[in-house]
């Protein structure tokens, strides 16, 4: 098996991209938990629905940035080939 240095870098880039996409698990779980707690809070106090919803959506938007950063890193690793001639 003859693997060149460039092939090794491509393989490591693919593995790194896969690991970077694991960053999408955290925001998914966090947003689900936030939505569940937001729904239960609205059920307990329907009068504060707009405040609860806006706070929940702001928190979910902040949590989503980590998933988007992981996606950007994965796309850079997959599509930017620094050693191509």
PDB file of N, CA and C in Angstrom:
ATOM      1  N   UNK A   1       0.844  -1.163   0.000  1.00  0.00           N
ATOM      2  CA  UNK A   1       0.000   0.000   0.000  1.00  0.00           C
ATOM      3  C   UNK A   1       0.895   1.233   0.000  1.00  0.00           C
ATOM      4  N   UNK A   2       0.745   2.034  -1.033  1.00  0.00           N
ATOM      5  CA  UNK A   2       1.584   3.207  -1.206  1.00  0.00           C
ATOM      6  C   UNK A   2       0.726   4.458  -1.043  1.00  0.00           C
ATOM      7  N   UNK A   3       0.881   5.129   0.086  1.00  0.00           N
ATOM      8  CA  UNK A   3       0.107   6.335   0.363  1.00  0.00           C
ATOM      9  C   UNK A   3       1.054   7.518   0.335  1.00  0.00           C
ATOM     10  N   UNK A   4       0.733   8.473  -0.525  1.00  0.00           N
ATOM     11  CA  UNK A   4       1.570   9.669  -0.602  1.00  0.00           C
ATOM     12  C   UNK A   4       1.192  10.635   0.520  1.00  0.00           C
ATOM     13  N   UNK A   5       2.017  11.634   0.703  1.00  0.00           N
ATOM     14  CA  UNK A   5       1.747  12.630   1.734  1.00  0.00           C
ATOM     15  C   UNK A   5       0.458  13.392   1.490  1.00  0.00           C
ATOM     16  N   UNK A   6       0.180  13.653   0.215  1.00  0.00           N
ATOM     17  CA  UNK A   6      -1.028  14.392  -0.128  1.00  0.00           C
ATOM     18  C   UNK A   6      -2.272  13.544   0.162  1.00  0.00           C
ATOM     19  N   UNK A   7      -2.229  12.255  -0.138  1.00  0.00           N
ATOM     20  CA  UNK A   7      -3.354  11.374   0.169  1.00  0.00           C
ATOM     21  C   UNK A   7      -3.587  11.285   1.675  1.00  0.00           C
ATOM     22  N   UNK A   8      -2.508  11.272   2.431  1.00  0.00           N
ATOM     23  CA  UNK A   8      -2.616  11.234   3.882  1.00  0.00           C
ATOM     24  C   UNK A   8      -3.299  12.499   4.401  1.00  0.00           C
ATOM     25  N   UNK A   9      -2.946  13.645   3.826  1.00  0.00           N
ATOM     26  CA  UNK A   9      -3.558  14.913   4.238  1.00  0.00           C
ATOM     27  C   UNK A   9      -5.037  14.920   3.887  1.00  0.00           C
ATOM     28  N   UNK A  10      -5.404  14.402   2.706  1.00  0.00           N
ATOM     29  CA  UNK A  10      -6.821  14.337   2.332  1.00  0.00           C
ATOM     30  C   UNK A  10      -7.595  13.433   3.283  1.00  0.00           C
ATOM     31  N   UNK A  11      -7.008  12.317   3.652  1.00  0.00           N
ATOM     32  CA  UNK A  11      -7.667  11.409   4.581  1.00  0.00           C
ATOM     33  C   UNK A  11      -7.860  12.035   5.953  1.00  0.00           C
ATOM     34  N   UNK A  12      -6.824  12.712   6.436  1.00  0.00           N
ATOM     35  CA  UNK A  12      -6.930  13.379   7.731  1.00  0.00           C
ATOM     36  C   UNK A  12      -7.945  14.527   7.673  1.00  0.00           C
ATOM     37  N   UNK A  13      -8.035  15.197   6.520  1.00  0.00           N
ATOM     38  CA  UNK A  13      -9.041  16.254   6.363  1.00  0.00           C
ATOM     39  C   UNK A  13     -10.451  15.689   6.437  1.00  0.00           C
ATOM     40  N   UNK A  14     -10.665  14.533   5.822  1.00  0.00           N
ATOM     41  CA  UNK A  14     -11.988  13.907   5.869  1.00  0.00           C
ATOM     42  C   UNK A  14     -12.340  13.464   7.292  1.00  0.00           C
ATOM     43  N   UNK A  15     -11.369  12.909   7.989  1.00  0.00           N
ATOM     44  CA  UNK A  15     -11.621  12.501   9.376  1.00  0.00           C
ATOM     45  C   UNK A  15     -11.892  13.729  10.239  1.00  0.00           C
ATOM     46  N   UNK A  16     -11.129  14.788  10.046  1.00  0.00           N
ATOM     47  CA  UNK A  16     -11.348  16.021  10.799  1.00  0.00           C
ATOM     48  C   UNK A  16     -12.698  16.643  10.512  1.00  0.00           C
ATOM     49  N   UNK A  17     -13.144  16.572   9.255  1.00  0.00           N
ATOM     50  CA  UNK A  17     -14.464  17.103   8.911  1.00  0.00           C
ATOM     51  C   UNK A  17     -15.560  16.302   9.606  1.00  0.00           C
ATOM     52  N   UNK A  18     -15.396  15.002   9.661  1.00  0.00           N
ATOM     53  CA  UNK A  18     -16.381  14.181  10.366  1.00  0.00           C
ATOM     54  C   UNK A  18     -16.413  14.496  11.848  1.00  0.00           C
ATOM     55  N   UNK A  19     -15.246  14.693  12.436  1.00  0.00           N
ATOM     56  CA  UNK A  19     -15.200  15.051  13.852  1.00  0.00           C
ATOM     57  C   UNK A  19     -15.794  16.438  14.095  1.00  0.00           C
ATOM     58  N   UNK A  20     -15.591  17.355  13.167  1.00  0.00           N
ATOM     59  CA  UNK A  20     -16.148  18.700  13.311  1.00  0.00           C
ATOM     60  C   UNK A  20     -17.667  18.670  13.265  1.00  0.00           C
ATOM     61  N   UNK A  21     -18.239  17.730  12.524  1.00  0.00           N
ATOM     62  CA  UNK A  21     -19.696  17.659  12.441  1.00  0.00           C
ATOM     63  C   UNK A  21     -20.326  17.100  13.717  1.00  0.00           C
ATOM     64  N   UNK A  22     -19.513  16.521  14.580  1.00  0.00           N
ATOM     65  CA  UNK A  22     -20.031  16.095  15.883  1.00  0.00           C
ATOM     66  C   UNK A  22     -20.490  17.317  16.678  1.00  0.00           C
ATOM     67  N   UNK A  23     -19.970  18.486  16.330  1.00  0.00           N
ATOM     68  CA  UNK A  23     -20.372  19.720  17.002  1.00  0.00           C
ATOM     69  C   UNK A  23     -21.846  20.022  16.796  1.00  0.00           C
ATOM     70  N   UNK A  24     -22.505  19.378  15.858  1.00  0.00           N
ATOM     71  CA  UNK A  24     -23.936  19.590  15.650  1.00  0.00           C
ATOM     72  C   UNK A  24     -24.815  18.878  16.666  1.00  0.00           C
ATOM     73  N   UNK A  25     -24.251  17.942  17.417  1.00  0.00           N
ATOM     74  CA  UNK A  25     -25.047  17.201  18.396  1.00  0.00           C
ATOM     75  C   UNK A  25     -25.420  18.094  19.577  1.00  0.00           C
ATOM     76  N   UNK A  26     -24.464  18.851  20.068  1.00  0.00           N
ATOM     77  CA  UNK A  26     -24.699  19.705  21.232  1.00  0.00           C
ATOM     78  C   UNK A  26     -25.806  20.721  21.034  1.00  0.00           C
ATOM     79  N   UNK A  27     -25.776  21.501  19.945  1.00  0.00           N
ATOM     80  CA  UNK A  27     -26.857  22.462  19.735  1.00  0.00           C
ATOM     81  C   UNK A  27     -28.223  21.803  19.569  1.00  0.00           C
ATOM     82  N   UNK A  28     -28.256  20.641  18.952  1.00  0.00           N
ATOM     83  CA  UNK A  28     -29.538  19.957  18.790  1.00  0.00           C
ATOM     84  C   UNK A  28     -30.146  19.558  20.119  1.00  0.00           C
ATOM     85  N   UNK A  29     -29.319  19.000  20.973  1.00  0.00           N
ATOM     86  CA  UNK A  29     -29.793  18.608  22.300  1.00  0.00           C
ATOM     87  C   UNK A  29     -30.163  19.841  23.115  1.00  0.00           C
ATOM     88  N   UNK A  30     -29.312  20.853  23.080  1.00  0.00           N
ATOM     89  CA  UNK A  30     -29.575  22.071  23.850  1.00  0.00           C
ATOM     90  C   UNK A  30     -30.828  22.794  23.406  1.00  0.00           C
ATOM     91  N   UNK A  31     -31.065  22.852  22.110  1.00  0.00           N
ATOM     92  CA  UNK A  31     -32.259  23.526  21.622  1.00  0.00           C
ATOM     93  C   UNK A  31     -33.513  22.736  21.963  1.00  0.00           C
ATOM     94  N   UNK A  32     -33.412  21.423  21.939  1.00  0.00           N
ATOM     95  CA  UNK A  32     -34.566  20.608  22.338  1.00  0.00           C
ATOM     96  C   UNK A  32     -34.908  20.800  23.804  1.00  0.00           C
ATOM     97  N   UNK A  33     -33.893  20.845  24.633  1.00  0.00           N
ATOM     98  CA  UNK A  33     -34.128  21.075  26.060  1.00  0.00           C
ATOM     99  C   UNK A  33     -34.719  22.467  26.285  1.00  0.00           C
ATOM    100  N   UNK A  34     -34.181  23.477  25.597  1.00  0.00           N
ATOM    101  CA  UNK A  34     -34.692  24.840  25.744  1.00  0.00           C
ATOM    102  C   UNK A  34     -36.143  24.940  25.286  1.00  0.00           C
ATOM    103  N   UNK A  35     -36.473  24.288  24.183  1.00  0.00           N
ATOM    104  CA  UNK A  35     -37.852  24.333  23.696  1.00  0.00           C
ATOM    105  C   UNK A  35     -38.798  23.636  24.674  1.00  0.00           C
ATOM    106  N   UNK A  36     -38.358  22.527  25.238  1.00  0.00           N
ATOM    107  CA  UNK A  36     -39.193  21.820  26.211  1.00  0.00           C
ATOM    108  C   UNK A  36     -39.439  22.647  27.455  1.00  0.00           C
ATOM    109  N   UNK A  37     -38.395  23.271  27.967  1.00  0.00           N
ATOM    110  CA  UNK A  37     -38.562  24.109  29.156  1.00  0.00           C
ATOM    111  C   UNK A  37     -39.375  25.361  28.835  1.00  0.00           C
ATOM    112  N   UNK A  38     -39.202  25.898  27.632  1.00  0.00           N
ATOM    113  CA  UNK A  38     -40.007  27.046  27.229  1.00  0.00           C
ATOM    114  C   UNK A  38     -41.479  26.698  27.137  1.00  0.00           C
ATOM    115  N   UNK A  39     -41.783  25.528  26.587  1.00  0.00           N
ATOM    116  CA  UNK A  39     -43.184  25.102  26.487  1.00  0.00           C
ATOM    117  C   UNK A  39     -43.788  24.878  27.869  1.00  0.00           C
ATOM    118  N   UNK A  40     -43.024  24.294  28.768  1.00  0.00           N
ATOM    119  CA  UNK A  40     -43.563  24.087  30.115  1.00  0.00           C
ATOM    120  C   UNK A  40     -43.731  25.420  30.851  1.00  0.00           C
ATOM    121  N   UNK A  41     -42.835  26.384  30.608  1.00  0.00           N
ATOM    122  CA  UNK A  41     -42.965  27.696  31.233  1.00  0.00           C
ATOM    123  C   UNK A  41     -44.198  28.429  30.719  1.00  0.00           C
ATOM    124  N   UNK A  42     -44.477  28.325  29.434  1.00  0.00           N
ATOM    125  CA  UNK A  42     -45.680  28.948  28.884  1.00  0.00           C
ATOM    126  C   UNK A  42     -46.924  28.251  29.433  1.00  0.00           C
ATOM    127  N   UNK A  43     -46.849  26.945  29.634  1.00  0.00           N
ATOM    128  CA  UNK A  43     -47.987  26.231  30.217  1.00  0.00           C
ATOM    129  C   UNK A  43     -48.275  26.679  31.641  1.00  0.00           C
ATOM    130  N   UNK A  44     -47.234  27.013  32.396  1.00  0.00           N
ATOM    131  CA  UNK A  44     -47.438  27.475  33.773  1.00  0.00           C
ATOM    132  C   UNK A  44     -47.873  28.927  33.835  1.00  0.00           C
ATOM    133  N   UNK A  45     -47.380  29.754  32.899  1.00  0.00           N
ATOM    134  CA  UNK A  45     -47.686  31.180  32.924  1.00  0.00           C
ATOM    135  C   UNK A  45     -47.964  31.669  31.503  1.00  0.00           C
ATOM    136  N   UNK A  46     -49.183  31.463  31.006  1.00  0.00           N
ATOM    137  CA  UNK A  46     -49.489  31.846  29.623  1.00  0.00           C
ATOM    138  C   UNK A  46     -49.389  33.346  29.360  1.00  0.00           C
ATOM    139  N   UNK A  47     -49.500  34.151  30.372  1.00  0.00           N
ATOM    140  CA  UNK A  47     -49.432  35.603  30.187  1.00  0.00           C
ATOM    141  C   UNK A  47     -48.035  36.080  29.792  1.00  0.00           C
ATOM    142  N   UNK A  48     -47.020  35.315  30.104  1.00  0.00           N
ATOM    143  CA  UNK A  48     -45.646  35.708  29.786  1.00  0.00           C
ATOM    144  C   UNK A  48     -45.130  35.019  28.530  1.00  0.00           C
ATOM    145  N   UNK A  49     -46.046  34.602  27.664  1.00  0.00           N
ATOM    146  CA  UNK A  49     -45.646  33.839  26.480  1.00  0.00           C
ATOM    147  C   UNK A  49     -44.663  34.588  25.587  1.00  0.00           C
ATOM    148  N   UNK A  50     -44.908  35.866  25.339  1.00  0.00           N
ATOM    149  CA  UNK A  50     -44.029  36.604  24.425  1.00  0.00           C
ATOM    150  C   UNK A  50     -42.628  36.772  25.011  1.00  0.00           C
ATOM    151  N   UNK A  51     -42.536  37.037  26.310  1.00  0.00           N
ATOM    152  CA  UNK A  51     -41.220  37.169  26.939  1.00  0.00           C
ATOM    153  C   UNK A  51     -40.472  35.844  26.933  1.00  0.00           C
ATOM    154  N   UNK A  52     -41.174  34.779  27.259  1.00  0.00           N
ATOM    155  CA  UNK A  52     -40.538  33.460  27.296  1.00  0.00           C
ATOM    156  C   UNK A  52     -40.078  33.043  25.906  1.00  0.00           C
ATOM    157  N   UNK A  53     -40.937  33.275  24.910  1.00  0.00           N
ATOM    158  CA  UNK A  53     -40.600  32.875  23.547  1.00  0.00           C
ATOM    159  C   UNK A  53     -39.399  33.657  23.012  1.00  0.00           C
ATOM    160  N   UNK A  54     -39.361  34.955  23.252  1.00  0.00           N
ATOM    161  CA  UNK A  54     -38.244  35.748  22.736  1.00  0.00           C
ATOM    162  C   UNK A  54     -36.932  35.364  23.418  1.00  0.00           C
ATOM    163  N   UNK A  55     -36.982  35.122  24.727  1.00  0.00           N
ATOM    164  CA  UNK A  55     -35.773  34.698  25.424  1.00  0.00           C
ATOM    165  C   UNK A  55     -35.309  33.325  24.955  1.00  0.00           C
ATOM    166  N   UNK A  56     -36.264  32.420  24.753  1.00  0.00           N
ATOM    167  CA  UNK A  56     -35.922  31.074  24.284  1.00  0.00           C
ATOM    168  C   UNK A  56     -35.295  31.122  22.888  1.00  0.00           C
ATOM    169  N   UNK A  57     -35.882  31.902  21.993  1.00  0.00           N
ATOM    170  CA  UNK A  57     -35.344  31.984  20.631  1.00  0.00           C
ATOM    171  C   UNK A  57     -33.962  32.637  20.601  1.00  0.00           C
ATOM    172  N   UNK A  58     -33.722  33.616  21.451  1.00  0.00           N
ATOM    173  CA  UNK A  58     -32.400  34.225  21.526  1.00  0.00           C
ATOM    174  C   UNK A  58     -31.375  33.209  22.016  1.00  0.00           C
ATOM    175  N   UNK A  59     -31.730  32.443  23.024  1.00  0.00           N
ATOM    176  CA  UNK A  59     -30.825  31.410  23.523  1.00  0.00           C
ATOM    177  C   UNK A  59     -30.557  30.329  22.493  1.00  0.00           C
ATOM    178  N   UNK A  60     -31.566  29.948  21.731  1.00  0.00           N
ATOM    179  CA  UNK A  60     -31.367  28.943  20.697  1.00  0.00           C
ATOM    180  C   UNK A  60     -30.498  29.461  19.569  1.00  0.00           C
ATOM    181  N   UNK A  61     -30.633  30.732  19.237  1.00  0.00           N
ATOM    182  CA  UNK A  61     -29.787  31.305  18.182  1.00  0.00           C
ATOM    183  C   UNK A  61     -28.328  31.322  18.611  1.00  0.00           C
ATOM    184  N   UNK A  62     -28.077  31.632  19.868  1.00  0.00           N
ATOM    185  CA  UNK A  62     -26.704  31.629  20.373  1.00  0.00           C
ATOM    186  C   UNK A  62     -26.156  30.205  20.389  1.00  0.00           C
ATOM    187  N   UNK A  63     -26.993  29.240  20.787  1.00  0.00           N
ATOM    188  CA  UNK A  63     -26.533  27.849  20.840  1.00  0.00           C
ATOM    189  C   UNK A  63     -26.251  27.303  19.445  1.00  0.00           C
ATOM    190  N   UNK A  64     -26.967  27.777  18.450  1.00  0.00           N
ATOM    191  CA  UNK A  64     -26.809  27.262  17.089  1.00  0.00           C
ATOM    192  C   UNK A  64     -25.469  27.671  16.477  1.00  0.00           C
ATOM    193  N   UNK A  65     -24.860  28.740  16.972  1.00  0.00           N
ATOM    194  CA  UNK A  65     -23.610  29.200  16.371  1.00  0.00           C
ATOM    195  C   UNK A  65     -22.510  28.143  16.465  1.00  0.00           C
ATOM    196  N   UNK A  66     -22.488  27.348  17.535  1.00  0.00           N
ATOM    197  CA  UNK A  66     -21.451  26.322  17.623  1.00  0.00           C
ATOM    198  C   UNK A  66     -21.619  25.273  16.539  1.00  0.00           C
ATOM    199  N   UNK A  67     -22.854  24.915  16.233  1.00  0.00           N
ATOM    200  CA  UNK A  67     -23.096  23.972  15.138  1.00  0.00           C
ATOM    201  C   UNK A  67     -22.700  24.551  13.794  1.00  0.00           C
ATOM    202  N   UNK A  68     -22.970  25.829  13.598  1.00  0.00           N
ATOM    203  CA  UNK A  68     -22.591  26.468  12.333  1.00  0.00           C
ATOM    204  C   UNK A  68     -21.078  26.587  12.201  1.00  0.00           C
ATOM    205  N   UNK A  69     -20.397  26.866  13.303  1.00  0.00           N
ATOM    206  CA  UNK A  69     -18.938  26.905  13.251  1.00  0.00           C
ATOM    207  C   UNK A  69     -18.373  25.532  12.891  1.00  0.00           C
ATOM    208  N   UNK A  70     -18.955  24.485  13.448  1.00  0.00           N
ATOM    209  CA  UNK A  70     -18.527  23.129  13.102  1.00  0.00           C
ATOM    210  C   UNK A  70     -18.745  22.832  11.630  1.00  0.00           C
ATOM    211  N   UNK A  71     -19.874  23.280  11.086  1.00  0.00           N
ATOM    212  CA  UNK A  71     -20.156  23.082   9.661  1.00  0.00           C
ATOM    213  C   UNK A  71     -19.149  23.828   8.797  1.00  0.00           C
ATOM    214  N   UNK A  72     -18.826  25.056   9.168  1.00  0.00           N
ATOM    215  CA  UNK A  72     -17.859  25.845   8.394  1.00  0.00           C
ATOM    216  C   UNK A  72     -16.488  25.174   8.423  1.00  0.00           C
ATOM    217  N   UNK A  73     -16.076  24.704   9.592  1.00  0.00           N
ATOM    218  CA  UNK A  73     -14.783  24.032   9.701  1.00  0.00           C
ATOM    219  C   UNK A  73     -14.769  22.773   8.841  1.00  0.00           C
ATOM    220  N   UNK A  74     -15.863  21.999   8.876  1.00  0.00           N
ATOM    221  CA  UNK A  74     -15.937  20.778   8.067  1.00  0.00           C
ATOM    222  C   UNK A  74     -15.872  21.098   6.578  1.00  0.00           C
ATOM    223  N   UNK A  75     -16.562  22.139   6.143  1.00  0.00           N
ATOM    224  CA  UNK A  75     -16.537  22.490   4.718  1.00  0.00           C
ATOM    225  C   UNK A  75     -15.156  22.981   4.301  1.00  0.00           C
ATOM    226  N   UNK A  76     -14.497  23.729   5.169  1.00  0.00           N
ATOM    227  CA  UNK A  76     -13.132  24.169   4.848  1.00  0.00           C
ATOM    228  C   UNK A  76     -12.214  22.967   4.724  1.00  0.00           C
ATOM    229  N   UNK A  77     -12.318  22.026   5.655  1.00  0.00           N
ATOM    230  CA  UNK A  77     -11.463  20.843   5.601  1.00  0.00           C
ATOM    231  C   UNK A  77     -11.729  19.990   4.367  1.00  0.00           C
ATOM    232  N   UNK A  78     -12.967  19.945   3.911  1.00  0.00           N
ATOM    233  CA  UNK A  78     -13.297  19.093   2.772  1.00  0.00           C
ATOM    234  C   UNK A  78     -12.990  19.750   1.420  1.00  0.00           C
ATOM    235  N   UNK A  79     -13.161  21.051   1.319  1.00  0.00           N
ATOM    236  CA  UNK A  79     -13.102  21.664   0.000  1.00  0.00           C
ATOM    237  C   UNK A  79     -11.893  22.566  -0.233  1.00  0.00           C
ATOM    238  N   UNK A  80     -11.150  22.940   0.773  1.00  0.00           N
ATOM    239  CA  UNK A  80      -9.954  23.757   0.586  1.00  0.00           C
ATOM    240  C   UNK A  80      -8.758  22.811   0.582  1.00  0.00           C
ATOM    241  N   UNK A  81      -8.130  22.691  -0.545  1.00  0.00           N
ATOM    242  CA  UNK A  81      -6.992  21.781  -0.717  1.00  0.00           C
ATOM    243  C   UNK A  81      -5.730  22.616  -0.845  1.00  0.00           C
ATOM    244  N   UNK A  82      -4.994  22.817   0.245  1.00  0.00           N
ATOM    245  CA  UNK A  82      -3.853  23.739   0.179  1.00  0.00           C
ATOM    246  C   UNK A  82      -2.656  23.212  -0.600  1.00  0.00           C
ATOM    247  N   UNK A  83      -2.580  21.900  -0.824  1.00  0.00           N
ATOM    248  CA  UNK A  83      -1.387  21.348  -1.461  1.00  0.00           C
ATOM    249  C   UNK A  83      -1.605  20.982  -2.930  1.00  0.00           C
ATOM    250  N   UNK A  84      -2.722  21.395  -3.521  1.00  0.00           N
ATOM    251  CA  UNK A  84      -2.917  21.146  -4.949  1.00  0.00           C
ATOM    252  C   UNK A  84      -1.991  22.059  -5.760  1.00  0.00           C
ATOM    253  N   UNK A  85      -1.420  21.508  -6.784  1.00  0.00           N
ATOM    254  CA  UNK A  85      -0.491  22.278  -7.616  1.00  0.00           C
ATOM    255  C   UNK A  85      -1.251  23.124  -8.614  1.00  0.00           C
TER     256      UNK A  85
END
